[in-house]
């Protein structure tokens, strides 16, 4: 059985996937530069946490996501069928 992945730029789909996994939009602390919020991430339970990540509002996260021309590649389930929180942010022009 293969893992299931999806690629999207749809804000509603992204938010639903993250919130279904109890995640929060975040940026990596210390990566802010000028008006840029920093490196985009999601904070999922058991992940890096607020020591390494700063939580941001969805509007701020999506503004940076759109400005950078990104798409989200996320894994819906692992090869064994279990739930997954694996994701990558990629250039939307490359998908």
PDB file of N, CA and C in Angstrom:
ATOM      1  N   UNK A   1       0.844  -1.174   0.000  1.00  0.00           N
ATOM      2  CA  UNK A   1       0.000   0.000   0.000  1.00  0.00           C
ATOM      3  C   UNK A   1       0.893   1.242   0.000  1.00  0.00           C
ATOM      4  N   UNK A   2       0.559   2.235  -0.790  1.00  0.00           N
ATOM      5  CA  UNK A   2       1.336   3.478  -0.873  1.00  0.00           C
ATOM      6  C   UNK A   2       0.729   4.537   0.041  1.00  0.00           C
ATOM      7  N   UNK A   3       1.570   5.465   0.479  1.00  0.00           N
ATOM      8  CA  UNK A   3       1.053   6.583   1.261  1.00  0.00           C
ATOM      9  C   UNK A   3       0.263   7.501   0.334  1.00  0.00           C
ATOM     10  N   UNK A   4      -0.645   8.268   0.901  1.00  0.00           N
ATOM     11  CA  UNK A   4      -1.488   9.162   0.129  1.00  0.00           C
ATOM     12  C   UNK A   4      -1.052  10.594   0.367  1.00  0.00           C
ATOM     13  N   UNK A   5      -0.665  11.305  -0.708  1.00  0.00           N
ATOM     14  CA  UNK A   5      -0.292  12.706  -0.582  1.00  0.00           C
ATOM     15  C   UNK A   5      -1.163  13.557  -1.490  1.00  0.00           C
ATOM     16  N   UNK A   6      -1.282  14.829  -1.121  1.00  0.00           N
ATOM     17  CA  UNK A   6      -2.038  15.793  -1.897  1.00  0.00           C
ATOM     18  C   UNK A   6      -1.227  17.072  -1.978  1.00  0.00           C
ATOM     19  N   UNK A   7      -1.480  17.859  -3.013  1.00  0.00           N
ATOM     20  CA  UNK A   7      -0.848  19.160  -3.173  1.00  0.00           C
ATOM     21  C   UNK A   7      -1.948  20.184  -3.360  1.00  0.00           C
ATOM     22  N   UNK A   8      -1.845  21.316  -2.637  1.00  0.00           N
ATOM     23  CA  UNK A   8      -2.896  22.325  -2.720  1.00  0.00           C
ATOM     24  C   UNK A   8      -2.376  23.713  -2.395  1.00  0.00           C
ATOM     25  N   UNK A   9      -3.083  24.703  -2.901  1.00  0.00           N
ATOM     26  CA  UNK A   9      -2.891  26.095  -2.494  1.00  0.00           C
ATOM     27  C   UNK A   9      -4.169  26.629  -1.861  1.00  0.00           C
ATOM     28  N   UNK A  10      -5.185  25.799  -1.755  1.00  0.00           N
ATOM     29  CA  UNK A  10      -6.494  26.191  -1.234  1.00  0.00           C
ATOM     30  C   UNK A  10      -6.443  26.419   0.277  1.00  0.00           C
ATOM     31  N   UNK A  11      -6.720  27.634   0.690  1.00  0.00           N
ATOM     32  CA  UNK A  11      -6.638  27.994   2.104  1.00  0.00           C
ATOM     33  C   UNK A  11      -7.546  27.147   2.980  1.00  0.00           C
ATOM     34  N   UNK A  12      -8.764  26.909   2.528  1.00  0.00           N
ATOM     35  CA  UNK A  12      -9.707  26.122   3.333  1.00  0.00           C
ATOM     36  C   UNK A  12      -9.225  24.689   3.527  1.00  0.00           C
ATOM     37  N   UNK A  13      -8.702  24.096   2.456  1.00  0.00           N
ATOM     38  CA  UNK A  13      -8.197  22.725   2.543  1.00  0.00           C
ATOM     39  C   UNK A  13      -6.996  22.649   3.484  1.00  0.00           C
ATOM     40  N   UNK A  14      -6.096  23.609   3.395  1.00  0.00           N
ATOM     41  CA  UNK A  14      -4.913  23.638   4.256  1.00  0.00           C
ATOM     42  C   UNK A  14      -5.332  23.784   5.720  1.00  0.00           C
ATOM     43  N   UNK A  15      -6.172  24.762   5.973  1.00  0.00           N
ATOM     44  CA  UNK A  15      -6.609  25.008   7.356  1.00  0.00           C
ATOM     45  C   UNK A  15      -7.315  23.787   7.941  1.00  0.00           C
ATOM     46  N   UNK A  16      -8.175  23.158   7.137  1.00  0.00           N
ATOM     47  CA  UNK A  16      -8.903  21.978   7.611  1.00  0.00           C
ATOM     48  C   UNK A  16      -7.937  20.846   7.949  1.00  0.00           C
ATOM     49  N   UNK A  17      -6.948  20.587   7.078  1.00  0.00           N
ATOM     50  CA  UNK A  17      -5.998  19.512   7.337  1.00  0.00           C
ATOM     51  C   UNK A  17      -5.208  19.784   8.619  1.00  0.00           C
ATOM     52  N   UNK A  18      -4.723  21.009   8.768  1.00  0.00           N
ATOM     53  CA  UNK A  18      -3.935  21.356   9.958  1.00  0.00           C
ATOM     54  C   UNK A  18      -4.780  21.236  11.220  1.00  0.00           C
ATOM     55  N   UNK A  19      -5.977  21.812  11.214  1.00  0.00           N
ATOM     56  CA  UNK A  19      -6.825  21.790  12.400  1.00  0.00           C
ATOM     57  C   UNK A  19      -7.340  20.388  12.717  1.00  0.00           C
ATOM     58  N   UNK A  20      -7.547  19.560  11.691  1.00  0.00           N
ATOM     59  CA  UNK A  20      -7.943  18.166  11.929  1.00  0.00           C
ATOM     60  C   UNK A  20      -6.859  17.396  12.671  1.00  0.00           C
ATOM     61  N   UNK A  21      -5.617  17.890  12.596  1.00  0.00           N
ATOM     62  CA  UNK A  21      -4.499  17.249  13.284  1.00  0.00           C
ATOM     63  C   UNK A  21      -4.055  18.061  14.512  1.00  0.00           C
ATOM     64  N   UNK A  22      -4.947  18.930  14.989  1.00  0.00           N
ATOM     65  CA  UNK A  22      -4.699  19.754  16.181  1.00  0.00           C
ATOM     66  C   UNK A  22      -3.476  20.644  16.023  1.00  0.00           C
ATOM     67  N   UNK A  23      -3.198  21.065  14.777  1.00  0.00           N
ATOM     68  CA  UNK A  23      -2.064  21.923  14.508  1.00  0.00           C
ATOM     69  C   UNK A  23      -2.416  23.399  14.553  1.00  0.00           C
ATOM     70  N   UNK A  24      -1.369  24.213  14.562  1.00  0.00           N
ATOM     71  CA  UNK A  24      -1.478  25.662  14.628  1.00  0.00           C
ATOM     72  C   UNK A  24      -0.512  26.266  13.617  1.00  0.00           C
ATOM     73  N   UNK A  25      -0.919  27.328  12.900  1.00  0.00           N
ATOM     74  CA  UNK A  25       0.029  27.991  12.005  1.00  0.00           C
ATOM     75  C   UNK A  25       1.140  28.645  12.820  1.00  0.00           C
ATOM     76  N   UNK A  26       2.359  28.561  12.301  1.00  0.00           N
ATOM     77  CA  UNK A  26       3.510  29.062  13.057  1.00  0.00           C
ATOM     78  C   UNK A  26       4.631  29.457  12.099  1.00  0.00           C
ATOM     79  N   UNK A  27       5.623  30.137  12.663  1.00  0.00           N
ATOM     80  CA  UNK A  27       6.869  30.444  11.957  1.00  0.00           C
ATOM     81  C   UNK A  27       8.032  30.063  12.867  1.00  0.00           C
ATOM     82  N   UNK A  28       9.179  29.783  12.253  1.00  0.00           N
ATOM     83  CA  UNK A  28      10.365  29.418  13.016  1.00  0.00           C
ATOM     84  C   UNK A  28      10.920  30.676  13.684  1.00  0.00           C
ATOM     85  N   UNK A  29      11.096  30.615  14.992  1.00  0.00           N
ATOM     86  CA  UNK A  29      11.634  31.760  15.735  1.00  0.00           C
ATOM     87  C   UNK A  29      13.018  32.144  15.198  1.00  0.00           C
ATOM     88  N   UNK A  30      13.252  33.444  15.089  1.00  0.00           N
ATOM     89  CA  UNK A  30      14.545  33.939  14.673  1.00  0.00           C
ATOM     90  C   UNK A  30      14.745  34.018  13.167  1.00  0.00           C
ATOM     91  N   UNK A  31      13.714  33.667  12.387  1.00  0.00           N
ATOM     92  CA  UNK A  31      13.857  33.717  10.927  1.00  0.00           C
ATOM     93  C   UNK A  31      13.159  34.937  10.328  1.00  0.00           C
ATOM     94  N   UNK A  32      12.594  35.791  11.184  1.00  0.00           N
ATOM     95  CA  UNK A  32      11.938  36.993  10.705  1.00  0.00           C
ATOM     96  C   UNK A  32      12.971  37.924  10.074  1.00  0.00           C
ATOM     97  N   UNK A  33      12.551  38.666   9.053  1.00  0.00           N
ATOM     98  CA  UNK A  33      13.453  39.602   8.394  1.00  0.00           C
ATOM     99  C   UNK A  33      12.642  40.752   7.828  1.00  0.00           C
ATOM    100  N   UNK A  34      12.843  41.938   8.369  1.00  0.00           N
ATOM    101  CA  UNK A  34      12.083  43.088   7.902  1.00  0.00           C
ATOM    102  C   UNK A  34      10.597  42.848   8.060  1.00  0.00           C
ATOM    103  N   UNK A  35       9.863  42.894   6.968  1.00  0.00           N
ATOM    104  CA  UNK A  35       8.417  42.694   7.021  1.00  0.00           C
ATOM    105  C   UNK A  35       8.020  41.229   6.855  1.00  0.00           C
ATOM    106  N   UNK A  36       8.987  40.358   6.550  1.00  0.00           N
ATOM    107  CA  UNK A  36       8.694  38.943   6.384  1.00  0.00           C
ATOM    108  C   UNK A  36       8.526  38.283   7.752  1.00  0.00           C
ATOM    109  N   UNK A  37       7.488  37.427   7.867  1.00  0.00           N
ATOM    110  CA  UNK A  37       7.189  36.804   9.153  1.00  0.00           C
ATOM    111  C   UNK A  37       8.175  35.707   9.515  1.00  0.00           C
ATOM    112  N   UNK A  38       8.856  35.147   8.538  1.00  0.00           N
ATOM    113  CA  UNK A  38       9.810  34.078   8.803  1.00  0.00           C
ATOM    114  C   UNK A  38       9.431  32.804   8.078  1.00  0.00           C
ATOM    115  N   UNK A  39      10.156  31.746   8.393  1.00  0.00           N
ATOM    116  CA  UNK A  39       9.951  30.451   7.756  1.00  0.00           C
ATOM    117  C   UNK A  39       8.645  29.846   8.262  1.00  0.00           C
ATOM    118  N   UNK A  40       7.753  29.548   7.336  1.00  0.00           N
ATOM    119  CA  UNK A  40       6.431  29.029   7.679  1.00  0.00           C
ATOM    120  C   UNK A  40       6.498  27.569   8.103  1.00  0.00           C
ATOM    121  N   UNK A  41       5.736  27.246   9.130  1.00  0.00           N
ATOM    122  CA  UNK A  41       5.616  25.877   9.629  1.00  0.00           C
ATOM    123  C   UNK A  41       4.213  25.709  10.216  1.00  0.00           C
ATOM    124  N   UNK A  42       3.934  24.488  10.655  1.00  0.00           N
ATOM    125  CA  UNK A  42       2.767  24.203  11.478  1.00  0.00           C
ATOM    126  C   UNK A  42       3.284  23.584  12.760  1.00  0.00           C
ATOM    127  N   UNK A  43       2.636  23.879  13.860  1.00  0.00           N
ATOM    128  CA  UNK A  43       3.004  23.296  15.145  1.00  0.00           C
ATOM    129  C   UNK A  43       1.971  22.237  15.486  1.00  0.00           C
ATOM    130  N   UNK A  44       2.378  20.964  15.401  1.00  0.00           N
ATOM    131  CA  UNK A  44       1.508  19.844  15.740  1.00  0.00           C
ATOM    132  C   UNK A  44       1.895  19.312  17.116  1.00  0.00           C
ATOM    133  N   UNK A  45       0.943  18.715  17.837  1.00  0.00           N
ATOM    134  CA  UNK A  45       1.268  18.126  19.137  1.00  0.00           C
ATOM    135  C   UNK A  45       2.444  17.157  19.024  1.00  0.00           C
ATOM    136  N   UNK A  46       3.394  17.288  19.933  1.00  0.00           N
ATOM    137  CA  UNK A  46       4.569  16.435  19.924  1.00  0.00           C
ATOM    138  C   UNK A  46       5.669  16.937  19.008  1.00  0.00           C
ATOM    139  N   UNK A  47       5.444  18.090  18.355  1.00  0.00           N
ATOM    140  CA  UNK A  47       6.437  18.656  17.440  1.00  0.00           C
ATOM    141  C   UNK A  47       7.400  19.575  18.158  1.00  0.00           C
ATOM    142  N   UNK A  48       7.939  20.525  17.419  1.00  0.00           N
ATOM    143  CA  UNK A  48       8.962  21.434  17.950  1.00  0.00           C
ATOM    144  C   UNK A  48       8.455  22.272  19.111  1.00  0.00           C
ATOM    145  N   UNK A  49       7.207  22.722  19.050  1.00  0.00           N
ATOM    146  CA  UNK A  49       6.636  23.495  20.140  1.00  0.00           C
ATOM    147  C   UNK A  49       7.048  24.955  20.120  1.00  0.00           C
ATOM    148  N   UNK A  50       6.544  25.692  21.106  1.00  0.00           N
ATOM    149  CA  UNK A  50       6.722  27.137  21.132  1.00  0.00           C
ATOM    150  C   UNK A  50       8.140  27.587  21.497  1.00  0.00           C
ATOM    151  N   UNK A  51       9.012  26.681  21.905  1.00  0.00           N
ATOM    152  CA  UNK A  51      10.411  27.066  22.116  1.00  0.00           C
ATOM    153  C   UNK A  51      11.067  27.408  20.780  1.00  0.00           C
ATOM    154  N   UNK A  52      10.699  26.678  19.736  1.00  0.00           N
ATOM    155  CA  UNK A  52      11.300  26.876  18.418  1.00  0.00           C
ATOM    156  C   UNK A  52      10.372  27.585  17.444  1.00  0.00           C
ATOM    157  N   UNK A  53       9.084  27.540  17.704  1.00  0.00           N
ATOM    158  CA  UNK A  53       8.101  28.118  16.794  1.00  0.00           C
ATOM    159  C   UNK A  53       7.303  29.220  17.472  1.00  0.00           C
ATOM    160  N   UNK A  54       6.918  30.200  16.683  1.00  0.00           N
ATOM    161  CA  UNK A  54       6.036  31.273  17.173  1.00  0.00           C
ATOM    162  C   UNK A  54       4.708  31.120  16.440  1.00  0.00           C
ATOM    163  N   UNK A  55       3.634  30.972  17.214  1.00  0.00           N
ATOM    164  CA  UNK A  55       2.310  30.841  16.616  1.00  0.00           C
ATOM    165  C   UNK A  55       1.890  32.175  16.001  1.00  0.00           C
ATOM    166  N   UNK A  56       1.239  32.102  14.842  1.00  0.00           N
ATOM    167  CA  UNK A  56       0.727  33.285  14.149  1.00  0.00           C
ATOM    168  C   UNK A  56      -0.723  33.039  13.778  1.00  0.00           C
ATOM    169  N   UNK A  57      -1.422  34.108  13.443  1.00  0.00           N
ATOM    170  CA  UNK A  57      -2.805  33.992  12.996  1.00  0.00           C
ATOM    171  C   UNK A  57      -2.833  33.437  11.572  1.00  0.00           C
ATOM    172  N   UNK A  58      -3.936  32.775  11.243  1.00  0.00           N
ATOM    173  CA  UNK A  58      -4.078  32.229   9.896  1.00  0.00           C
ATOM    174  C   UNK A  58      -3.915  33.305   8.829  1.00  0.00           C
ATOM    175  N   UNK A  59      -4.488  34.485   9.020  1.00  0.00           N
ATOM    176  CA  UNK A  59      -4.395  35.544   8.007  1.00  0.00           C
ATOM    177  C   UNK A  59      -2.938  35.899   7.717  1.00  0.00           C
ATOM    178  N   UNK A  60      -2.135  36.013   8.760  1.00  0.00           N
ATOM    179  CA  UNK A  60      -0.720  36.341   8.597  1.00  0.00           C
ATOM    180  C   UNK A  60       0.018  35.201   7.894  1.00  0.00           C
ATOM    181  N   UNK A  61      -0.287  33.963   8.284  1.00  0.00           N
ATOM    182  CA  UNK A  61       0.357  32.798   7.687  1.00  0.00           C
ATOM    183  C   UNK A  61       0.019  32.716   6.190  1.00  0.00           C
ATOM    184  N   UNK A  62      -1.267  32.844   5.856  1.00  0.00           N
ATOM    185  CA  UNK A  62      -1.679  32.745   4.458  1.00  0.00           C
ATOM    186  C   UNK A  62      -1.163  33.911   3.615  1.00  0.00           C
ATOM    187  N   UNK A  63      -1.043  35.090   4.197  1.00  0.00           N
ATOM    188  CA  UNK A  63      -0.490  36.224   3.456  1.00  0.00           C
ATOM    189  C   UNK A  63       0.939  35.924   3.031  1.00  0.00           C
ATOM    190  N   UNK A  64       1.737  35.404   3.944  1.00  0.00           N
ATOM    191  CA  UNK A  64       3.116  35.054   3.641  1.00  0.00           C
ATOM    192  C   UNK A  64       3.174  33.893   2.649  1.00  0.00           C
ATOM    193  N   UNK A  65       2.322  32.906   2.817  1.00  0.00           N
ATOM    194  CA  UNK A  65       2.220  31.747   1.926  1.00  0.00           C
ATOM    195  C   UNK A  65       1.930  32.195   0.495  1.00  0.00           C
ATOM    196  N   UNK A  66       0.935  33.077   0.342  1.00  0.00           N
ATOM    197  CA  UNK A  66       0.555  33.578  -0.981  1.00  0.00           C
ATOM    198  C   UNK A  66       1.642  34.474  -1.576  1.00  0.00           C
ATOM    199  N   UNK A  67       2.198  35.368  -0.756  1.00  0.00           N
ATOM    200  CA  UNK A  67       3.246  36.276  -1.233  1.00  0.00           C
ATOM    201  C   UNK A  67       4.456  35.507  -1.762  1.00  0.00           C
ATOM    202  N   UNK A  68       4.757  34.366  -1.143  1.00  0.00           N
ATOM    203  CA  UNK A  68       5.907  33.560  -1.544  1.00  0.00           C
ATOM    204  C   UNK A  68       5.580  32.619  -2.710  1.00  0.00           C
ATOM    205  N   UNK A  69       4.301  32.549  -3.103  1.00  0.00           N
ATOM    206  CA  UNK A  69       3.908  31.673  -4.210  1.00  0.00           C
ATOM    207  C   UNK A  69       4.087  30.203  -3.886  1.00  0.00           C
ATOM    208  N   UNK A  70       3.664  29.810  -2.680  1.00  0.00           N
ATOM    209  CA  UNK A  70       3.864  28.441  -2.228  1.00  0.00           C
ATOM    210  C   UNK A  70       2.646  27.550  -2.443  1.00  0.00           C
ATOM    211  N   UNK A  71       2.889  26.253  -2.379  1.00  0.00           N
ATOM    212  CA  UNK A  71       1.846  25.229  -2.349  1.00  0.00           C
ATOM    213  C   UNK A  71       2.204  24.276  -1.211  1.00  0.00           C
ATOM    214  N   UNK A  72       1.197  23.627  -0.662  1.00  0.00           N
ATOM    215  CA  UNK A  72       1.405  22.658   0.410  1.00  0.00           C
ATOM    216  C   UNK A  72       1.294  21.253  -0.164  1.00  0.00           C
ATOM    217  N   UNK A  73       2.307  20.449   0.082  1.00  0.00           N
ATOM    218  CA  UNK A  73       2.254  19.019  -0.206  1.00  0.00           C
ATOM    219  C   UNK A  73       2.121  18.346   1.154  1.00  0.00           C
ATOM    220  N   UNK A  74       1.040  17.594   1.340  1.00  0.00           N
ATOM    221  CA  UNK A  74       0.841  16.958   2.639  1.00  0.00           C
ATOM    222  C   UNK A  74       0.446  15.501   2.478  1.00  0.00           C
ATOM    223  N   UNK A  75       0.814  14.721   3.482  1.00  0.00           N
ATOM    224  CA  UNK A  75       0.538  13.293   3.476  1.00  0.00           C
ATOM    225  C   UNK A  75      -0.739  13.055   4.270  1.00  0.00           C
ATOM    226  N   UNK A  76      -1.719  12.470   3.624  1.00  0.00           N
ATOM    227  CA  UNK A  76      -2.982  12.171   4.298  1.00  0.00           C
ATOM    228  C   UNK A  76      -2.844  10.965   5.219  1.00  0.00           C
ATOM    229  N   UNK A  77      -2.104   9.962   4.750  1.00  0.00           N
ATOM    230  CA  UNK A  77      -1.867   8.798   5.597  1.00  0.00           C
ATOM    231  C   UNK A  77      -0.547   8.144   5.224  1.00  0.00           C
ATOM    232  N   UNK A  78       0.010   7.451   6.189  1.00  0.00           N
ATOM    233  CA  UNK A  78       1.273   6.749   5.984  1.00  0.00           C
ATOM    234  C   UNK A  78       1.022   5.451   5.208  1.00  0.00           C
ATOM    235  N   UNK A  79       2.091   4.798   4.827  1.00  0.00           N
ATOM    236  CA  UNK A  79       1.990   3.547   4.081  1.00  0.00           C
ATOM    237  C   UNK A  79       1.150   2.520   4.838  1.00  0.00           C
ATOM    238  N   UNK A  80       1.269   2.509   6.169  1.00  0.00           N
ATOM    239  CA  UNK A  80       0.516   1.532   6.972  1.00  0.00           C
ATOM    240  C   UNK A  80      -0.942   1.937   7.191  1.00  0.00           C
ATOM    241  N   UNK A  81      -1.345   3.086   6.606  1.00  0.00           N
ATOM    242  CA  UNK A  81      -2.732   3.534   6.727  1.00  0.00           C
ATOM    243  C   UNK A  81      -2.986   4.455   7.909  1.00  0.00           C
ATOM    244  N   UNK A  82      -1.991   4.663   8.759  1.00  0.00           N
ATOM    245  CA  UNK A  82      -2.176   5.542   9.914  1.00  0.00           C
ATOM    246  C   UNK A  82      -2.103   7.005   9.488  1.00  0.00           C
ATOM    247  N   UNK A  83      -2.651   7.862  10.320  1.00  0.00           N
ATOM    248  CA  UNK A  83      -2.702   9.298  10.061  1.00  0.00           C
ATOM    249  C   UNK A  83      -1.298   9.890  10.012  1.00  0.00           C
ATOM    250  N   UNK A  84      -1.136  10.985   9.262  1.00  0.00           N
ATOM    251  CA  UNK A  84       0.184  11.602   9.114  1.00  0.00           C
ATOM    252  C   UNK A  84       0.081  13.121   9.216  1.00  0.00           C
ATOM    253  N   UNK A  85       1.139  13.738   9.740  1.00  0.00           N
ATOM    254  CA  UNK A  85       1.251  15.200   9.747  1.00  0.00           C
ATOM    255  C   UNK A  85       2.454  15.650   8.922  1.00  0.00           C
ATOM    256  N   UNK A  86       2.962  14.782   8.044  1.00  0.00           N
ATOM    257  CA  UNK A  86       4.088  15.157   7.193  1.00  0.00           C
ATOM    258  C   UNK A  86       3.630  16.163   6.146  1.00  0.00           C
ATOM    259  N   UNK A  87       4.447  17.211   5.958  1.00  0.00           N
ATOM    260  CA  UNK A  87       4.148  18.200   4.926  1.00  0.00           C
ATOM    261  C   UNK A  87       5.432  18.838   4.429  1.00  0.00           C
ATOM    262  N   UNK A  88       5.324  19.459   3.249  1.00  0.00           N
ATOM    263  CA  UNK A  88       6.390  20.282   2.676  1.00  0.00           C
ATOM    264  C   UNK A  88       5.739  21.489   2.039  1.00  0.00           C
ATOM    265  N   UNK A  89       6.409  22.612   2.096  1.00  0.00           N
ATOM    266  CA  UNK A  89       5.984  23.793   1.365  1.00  0.00           C
ATOM    267  C   UNK A  89       6.876  23.889   0.152  1.00  0.00           C
ATOM    268  N   UNK A  90       6.269  23.989  -1.027  1.00  0.00           N
ATOM    269  CA  UNK A  90       7.011  23.992  -2.289  1.00  0.00           C
ATOM    270  C   UNK A  90       6.572  25.185  -3.138  1.00  0.00           C
ATOM    271  N   UNK A  91       7.369  25.511  -4.138  1.00  0.00           N
ATOM    272  CA  UNK A  91       7.031  26.557  -5.078  1.00  0.00           C
ATOM    273  C   UNK A  91       5.817  26.116  -5.878  1.00  0.00           C
ATOM    274  N   UNK A  92       4.754  26.911  -5.857  1.00  0.00           N
ATOM    275  CA  UNK A  92       3.510  26.554  -6.543  1.00  0.00           C
ATOM    276  C   UNK A  92       3.716  26.408  -8.050  1.00  0.00           C
ATOM    277  N   UNK A  93       4.701  27.083  -8.607  1.00  0.00           N
ATOM    278  CA  UNK A  93       4.971  26.966 -10.040  1.00  0.00           C
ATOM    279  C   UNK A  93       5.569  25.613 -10.405  1.00  0.00           C
ATOM    280  N   UNK A  94       6.085  24.886  -9.422  1.00  0.00           N
ATOM    281  CA  UNK A  94       6.713  23.598  -9.678  1.00  0.00           C
ATOM    282  C   UNK A  94       5.745  22.428  -9.589  1.00  0.00           C
ATOM    283  N   UNK A  95       4.492  22.689  -9.264  1.00  0.00           N
ATOM    284  CA  UNK A  95       3.519  21.592  -9.123  1.00  0.00           C
ATOM    285  C   UNK A  95       2.464  21.635 -10.200  1.00  0.00           C
TER     286      UNK A  95
END
